[in-house]
Amino acid sequence: MVNLNYQLIGGNAMTIKMIATDMDGTFLDGDSAFNRPRFQQLLNEMAAQQVKFVVASGNQYPHLPPYFDGLTGEITYLAEDGAHIVLAGEAISEDVIPAATLQQFLNWLPTTPLFASAWVILSGQQASYTEMLPNSKRFKASHYFYGDMQHVPDLREVTDGIYKIDITWAQFDVSAQEQLVNATFPGELRATSSGLGGIDVVLPHVNKAYGLAKLQAKWGITRDETLAFGDSGNDLEMLAMAKYGYAMANAPENVRQAVDYVTPLDNDHDGVLDVIAQYLNV
């Protein structure tokens, strides 16, 4: 783990062709906001230097563009942990969980004590779905991330194509649940920590690195030309796909220890924007 000195960053400015960032806990501050005037300046500079900007999030695609309303510049969205990639308003990649695998998983959940108190959301192509009641506090809290969330009496009745199973608990340590999913469904599904007491369950090959690699190939951009930021376990593969992969100063210690670079500032103090500015020499 290295806190890269700003003097060293500037020397790499001309090599950067893609910048990818997680949102919650990374690009966004604790109030789910960011320094819009400063980011617009950086977005202008990215356009001038022909640098691609990618939002890489576990969230649904419809949840992401509204953050950037009123700003001008090209932004590509790598949503659903890489299962759904949207470029210029059009989906260029979609990976949905096979219906039979989804049914097997949903039948298994209620038989497993570790999942007894979990909140479960299916994130799909047309909408998101949950058995939580619409008048519950948790439904209302989750609605922020899933604006199109629908209550269903039984998740097994959902016929939409599903990108991701979002499972959350009140406690933050969900490592046992993550390990159990991966041990029970090897080669079929993969669970990874999404932070704040949650895990994302997706296809085994799907992660932010998978999506990032697709974009690197599409644009002819190498790992050495990529800068990336994240704060959770589901960001680590993506950070490894970038020569300059930064964990946030506010990331958990295990995430910070797993990478070469850590932002000097946290997400509440323009941590991402500050490093981007140094790489762009502005």
Protein backbone atom coordinates (compact mmCIF):
# COMPACT_ATOMS: atom_id res chain seq x y z
CA MET A 1 0.00 0.00 0.00
CA VAL A 2 1.44 3.35 -1.07
CA ASN A 3 0.28 6.91 -0.61
CA LEU A 4 1.56 8.13 -3.96
CA ASN A 5 3.22 11.51 -3.77
CA TYR A 6 1.61 14.18 -5.93
CA GLN A 7 4.94 15.03 -7.54
CA LEU A 8 5.05 11.49 -8.94
CA ILE A 9 1.46 11.61 -10.19
CA GLY A 10 2.00 14.50 -12.55
CA GLY A 11 4.65 12.62 -14.48
CA ASN A 12 2.06 10.04 -15.52
CA ALA A 13 -0.53 12.54 -16.77
CA MET A 14 -0.19 11.90 -20.49
CA THR A 15 -0.51 8.11 -20.12
CA ILE A 16 -4.05 8.14 -18.70
CA LYS A 17 -6.81 7.40 -21.23
CA MET A 18 -9.54 6.05 -18.95
CA ILE A 19 -10.73 6.97 -15.45
CA ALA A 20 -13.19 4.64 -13.69
CA THR A 21 -14.75 5.25 -10.31
CA ASP A 22 -17.13 3.61 -7.90
CA MET A 23 -19.85 5.94 -6.60
CA ASP A 24 -21.02 5.38 -3.01
CA GLY A 25 -18.21 5.93 -0.52
CA THR A 26 -15.85 6.84 -3.35
CA PHE A 27 -16.91 9.53 -5.82
CA LEU A 28 -19.87 10.59 -3.65
CA ASP A 29 -19.46 12.11 -0.20
CA GLY A 30 -21.45 11.15 2.88
CA ASP A 31 -24.40 13.20 1.64
CA SER A 32 -24.40 11.38 -1.73
CA ALA A 33 -23.12 14.53 -3.45
CA PHE A 34 -19.92 15.76 -5.08
CA ASN A 35 -18.18 18.99 -6.00
CA ARG A 36 -20.07 19.65 -9.23
CA PRO A 37 -18.22 22.80 -10.44
CA ARG A 38 -14.85 21.14 -9.92
CA PHE A 39 -15.95 17.93 -11.62
CA GLN A 40 -17.30 19.86 -14.62
CA GLN A 41 -13.89 21.49 -15.01
CA LEU A 42 -12.23 18.07 -14.87
CA LEU A 43 -14.76 16.60 -17.31
CA ASN A 44 -13.93 19.41 -19.74
CA GLU A 45 -10.24 18.63 -19.34
CA MET A 46 -10.87 14.91 -19.89
CA ALA A 47 -12.60 15.75 -23.18
CA ALA A 48 -9.66 17.95 -24.19
CA GLN A 49 -7.18 15.17 -23.38
CA GLN A 50 -9.43 12.44 -24.87
CA VAL A 51 -9.76 10.62 -21.55
CA LYS A 52 -12.81 8.37 -21.06
CA PHE A 53 -14.76 8.70 -17.80
CA VAL A 54 -16.55 5.59 -16.50
CA VAL A 55 -18.94 5.30 -13.56
CA ALA A 56 -18.54 1.76 -12.19
CA SER A 57 -21.23 0.91 -9.68
CA GLY A 58 -23.17 -1.95 -8.19
CA ASN A 59 -26.28 0.18 -8.58
CA GLN A 60 -28.86 0.01 -11.34
CA TYR A 61 -28.23 2.06 -14.46
CA PRO A 62 -31.36 4.28 -14.02
CA HIS A 63 -30.07 5.34 -10.61
CA LEU A 64 -26.79 6.73 -11.96
CA PRO A 65 -27.31 9.39 -14.70
CA PRO A 66 -29.43 11.69 -12.48
CA TYR A 67 -26.34 12.40 -10.37
CA PHE A 68 -24.87 14.18 -13.38
CA ASP A 69 -27.94 16.10 -14.55
CA GLY A 70 -26.96 19.57 -15.73
CA LEU A 71 -23.34 18.63 -16.43
CA THR A 72 -21.93 18.33 -19.95
CA GLY A 73 -19.51 15.66 -21.09
CA GLU A 74 -19.37 11.98 -22.03
CA ILE A 75 -19.92 9.49 -19.20
CA THR A 76 -20.11 5.72 -19.66
CA TYR A 77 -21.98 3.66 -17.09
CA LEU A 78 -20.77 0.27 -15.90
CA ALA A 79 -23.75 -0.71 -13.72
CA GLU A 80 -24.82 -3.80 -11.77
CA ASP A 81 -21.18 -4.60 -10.92
CA GLY A 82 -20.38 -4.92 -14.62
CA ALA A 83 -23.47 -6.88 -15.71
CA HIS A 84 -24.96 -3.88 -17.55
CA ILE A 85 -22.83 -1.42 -19.55
CA VAL A 86 -24.41 1.65 -21.13
CA LEU A 87 -22.55 3.83 -23.63
CA ALA A 88 -24.16 6.96 -25.08
CA GLY A 89 -27.54 5.84 -23.74
CA GLU A 90 -27.43 2.38 -25.31
CA ALA A 91 -26.71 -0.95 -23.64
CA ILE A 92 -23.60 -2.51 -25.15
CA SER A 93 -23.34 -5.46 -22.74
CA GLU A 94 -25.85 -7.35 -20.56
CA ASP A 95 -25.30 -10.48 -18.44
CA VAL A 96 -28.41 -11.89 -16.76
CA ILE A 97 -28.62 -14.82 -14.36
CA PRO A 98 -30.15 -17.96 -15.98
CA ALA A 99 -33.74 -18.45 -14.79
CA ALA A 100 -33.06 -21.97 -13.51
CA THR A 101 -30.07 -20.82 -11.45
CA LEU A 102 -32.06 -17.93 -10.02
CA GLN A 103 -34.89 -20.26 -8.99
CA GLN A 104 -32.44 -22.65 -7.35
CA PHE A 105 -30.90 -19.81 -5.36
CA LEU A 106 -34.26 -18.36 -4.29
CA ASN A 107 -35.44 -21.81 -3.17
CA TRP A 108 -32.24 -22.23 -1.15
CA LEU A 109 -32.41 -18.88 0.66
CA PRO A 110 -35.27 -19.59 3.11
CA THR A 111 -33.66 -22.90 4.11
CA THR A 112 -30.47 -21.16 5.27
CA PRO A 113 -30.40 -19.69 8.83
CA LEU A 114 -27.71 -17.13 7.95
CA PHE A 115 -30.14 -15.51 5.50
CA ALA A 116 -33.20 -15.53 7.77
CA SER A 117 -33.08 -11.80 8.56
CA ALA A 118 -31.90 -10.59 5.15
CA TRP A 119 -33.50 -8.01 2.89
CA VAL A 120 -33.44 -9.26 -0.70
CA ILE A 121 -33.82 -7.27 -3.93
CA LEU A 122 -33.67 -8.60 -7.48
CA SER A 123 -32.27 -6.04 -9.89
CA GLY A 124 -33.68 -6.67 -13.34
CA GLN A 125 -33.81 -5.41 -16.90
CA GLN A 126 -37.27 -3.88 -16.55
CA ALA A 127 -37.46 -3.09 -12.82
CA SER A 128 -36.29 -4.24 -9.38
CA TYR A 129 -38.28 -6.52 -7.10
CA THR A 130 -38.56 -7.27 -3.39
CA GLU A 131 -40.84 -8.98 -0.91
CA MET A 132 -40.42 -6.04 1.47
CA LEU A 133 -43.69 -4.20 2.08
CA PRO A 134 -43.90 -0.75 0.42
CA ASN A 135 -44.76 0.94 3.73
CA SER A 136 -41.72 -0.51 5.53
CA LYS A 137 -38.77 1.67 6.48
CA ARG A 138 -36.36 -0.60 4.63
CA PHE A 139 -38.38 -0.45 1.42
CA LYS A 140 -38.35 3.34 1.58
CA ALA A 141 -34.60 3.40 2.27
CA SER A 142 -33.89 0.99 -0.59
CA HIS A 143 -36.09 3.00 -2.94
CA TYR A 144 -33.30 5.61 -3.07
CA PHE A 145 -31.09 3.10 -4.91
CA TYR A 146 -33.91 1.34 -6.77
CA GLY A 147 -36.35 3.99 -7.93
CA ASP A 148 -38.34 1.43 -9.92
CA MET A 149 -38.66 -1.08 -7.07
CA GLN A 150 -41.81 -3.19 -7.02
CA HIS A 151 -43.26 -5.27 -4.19
CA VAL A 152 -43.98 -8.88 -5.11
CA PRO A 153 -45.41 -11.55 -2.79
CA ASP A 154 -42.84 -14.11 -3.91
CA LEU A 155 -39.53 -13.37 -5.65
CA ARG A 156 -39.73 -16.75 -7.36
CA GLU A 157 -42.62 -15.43 -9.44
CA VAL A 158 -40.47 -12.76 -11.12
CA THR A 159 -39.96 -13.44 -14.83
CA ASP A 160 -37.78 -10.42 -15.67
CA GLY A 161 -34.14 -10.95 -16.62
CA ILE A 162 -32.11 -10.45 -13.43
CA TYR A 163 -28.63 -8.93 -13.40
CA LYS A 164 -27.98 -9.09 -9.67
CA ILE A 165 -29.33 -10.30 -6.31
CA ASP A 166 -28.82 -7.63 -3.66
CA ILE A 167 -28.85 -9.04 -0.10
CA THR A 168 -28.42 -6.86 2.98
CA TRP A 169 -28.37 -7.34 6.75
CA ALA A 170 -28.50 -4.95 9.69
CA GLN A 171 -25.00 -6.01 10.78
CA PHE A 172 -21.97 -4.99 8.73
CA ASP A 173 -19.87 -8.19 8.90
CA VAL A 174 -21.34 -10.44 6.21
CA SER A 175 -18.21 -12.41 5.37
CA ALA A 176 -19.79 -15.70 6.52
CA GLN A 177 -22.77 -15.18 4.22
CA GLU A 178 -20.50 -14.29 1.30
CA GLN A 179 -18.40 -17.42 1.84
CA LEU A 180 -21.49 -19.64 2.14
CA VAL A 181 -22.94 -18.49 -1.19
CA ASN A 182 -19.62 -19.05 -2.93
CA ALA A 183 -19.23 -22.52 -1.40
CA THR A 184 -22.81 -23.54 -2.24
CA PHE A 185 -22.98 -22.26 -5.83
CA PRO A 186 -19.45 -22.66 -7.24
CA GLY A 187 -19.34 -22.00 -10.96
CA GLU A 188 -22.96 -20.80 -10.96
CA LEU A 189 -23.05 -17.65 -8.82
CA ARG A 190 -20.55 -15.46 -7.01
CA ALA A 191 -21.10 -13.28 -3.96
CA THR A 192 -18.98 -10.27 -3.11
CA SER A 193 -19.16 -7.63 -0.41
CA SER A 194 -20.89 -4.43 -1.49
CA GLY A 195 -20.19 -2.56 1.78
CA LEU A 196 -22.51 -1.49 4.61
CA GLY A 197 -23.69 -5.00 5.46
CA GLY A 198 -24.51 -6.16 1.96
CA ILE A 199 -23.46 -8.68 -0.65
CA ASP A 200 -24.08 -8.68 -4.40
CA VAL A 201 -24.72 -12.04 -6.04
CA VAL A 202 -23.99 -12.17 -9.78
CA LEU A 203 -22.71 -14.56 -12.42
CA PRO A 204 -19.21 -15.88 -11.61
CA HIS A 205 -17.49 -14.00 -14.43
CA VAL A 206 -19.26 -10.71 -13.74
CA ASN A 207 -17.48 -8.01 -11.80
CA LYS A 208 -16.37 -4.45 -12.38
CA ALA A 209 -13.09 -5.69 -13.84
CA TYR A 210 -15.01 -7.73 -16.42
CA GLY A 211 -16.89 -4.63 -17.49
CA LEU A 212 -13.79 -2.48 -17.44
CA ALA A 213 -11.91 -4.99 -19.60
CA LYS A 214 -14.71 -4.84 -22.17
CA LEU A 215 -14.40 -1.07 -22.36
CA GLN A 216 -10.60 -1.20 -22.51
CA ALA A 217 -10.85 -3.59 -25.47
CA LYS A 218 -13.53 -1.49 -27.19
CA TRP A 219 -11.49 1.69 -26.91
CA GLY A 220 -8.03 0.19 -27.35
CA ILE A 221 -6.94 1.32 -23.88
CA THR A 222 -4.40 -0.64 -21.83
CA ARG A 223 -4.15 -1.32 -18.12
CA ASP A 224 -1.18 1.08 -18.01
CA GLU A 225 -3.45 3.85 -19.30
CA THR A 226 -6.18 3.28 -16.69
CA LEU A 227 -6.84 5.09 -13.40
CA ALA A 228 -9.52 3.68 -11.05
CA PHE A 229 -11.02 4.33 -7.63
CA GLY A 230 -13.03 2.23 -5.16
CA ASP A 231 -13.73 1.63 -1.50
CA SER A 232 -15.22 -1.88 -1.16
CA GLY A 233 -14.47 -5.52 -1.79
CA ASN A 234 -16.46 -5.46 -5.02
CA ASP A 235 -14.02 -2.83 -6.36
CA LEU A 236 -10.81 -4.82 -5.90
CA GLU A 237 -10.85 -6.67 -9.22
CA MET A 238 -11.43 -3.38 -11.02
CA LEU A 239 -8.58 -1.68 -9.17
CA ALA A 240 -6.32 -4.53 -10.26
CA MET A 241 -7.29 -3.83 -13.88
CA ALA A 242 -5.82 -0.34 -13.59
CA LYS A 243 -2.11 0.39 -13.24
CA TYR A 244 -3.17 3.23 -10.96
CA GLY A 245 -5.84 1.54 -8.83
CA TYR A 246 -6.69 3.65 -5.78
CA ALA A 247 -8.54 2.61 -2.65
CA MET A 248 -10.14 5.52 -0.84
CA ALA A 249 -8.63 6.84 2.37
CA ASN A 250 -11.98 6.01 3.99
CA ALA A 251 -12.02 2.41 2.69
CA PRO A 252 -11.83 -0.48 5.18
CA GLU A 253 -8.29 -1.48 6.11
CA ASN A 254 -8.45 -4.81 4.27
CA VAL A 255 -9.30 -2.96 1.03
CA ARG A 256 -6.54 -0.38 1.54
CA GLN A 257 -4.02 -3.13 2.25
CA ALA A 258 -4.95 -4.99 -0.94
CA VAL A 259 -3.90 -2.22 -3.37
CA ASP A 260 -0.78 -0.23 -4.21
CA TYR A 261 -2.29 3.25 -3.95
CA VAL A 262 -4.55 5.05 -1.48
CA THR A 263 -6.03 8.51 -2.00
CA PRO A 264 -4.55 11.12 0.36
CA LEU A 265 -8.05 12.55 0.95
CA ASP A 266 -11.30 10.73 1.73
CA ASN A 267 -14.63 10.87 -0.10
CA ASP A 268 -15.83 13.79 2.01
CA HIS A 269 -12.92 15.97 0.83
CA ASP A 270 -12.84 15.51 -2.97
CA GLY A 271 -10.52 12.51 -2.66
CA VAL A 272 -11.24 11.25 -6.19
CA LEU A 273 -11.31 14.67 -7.85
CA ASP A 274 -8.07 15.69 -6.19
CA VAL A 275 -6.18 12.70 -7.61
CA ILE A 276 -7.78 13.08 -11.04
CA ALA A 277 -6.68 16.72 -11.13
CA GLN A 278 -3.11 15.70 -10.44
CA TYR A 279 -3.09 13.06 -13.18
CA LEU A 280 -4.55 15.54 -15.67
CA ASN A 281 -2.02 18.20 -14.59
CA VAL A 282 -4.71 20.78 -13.83
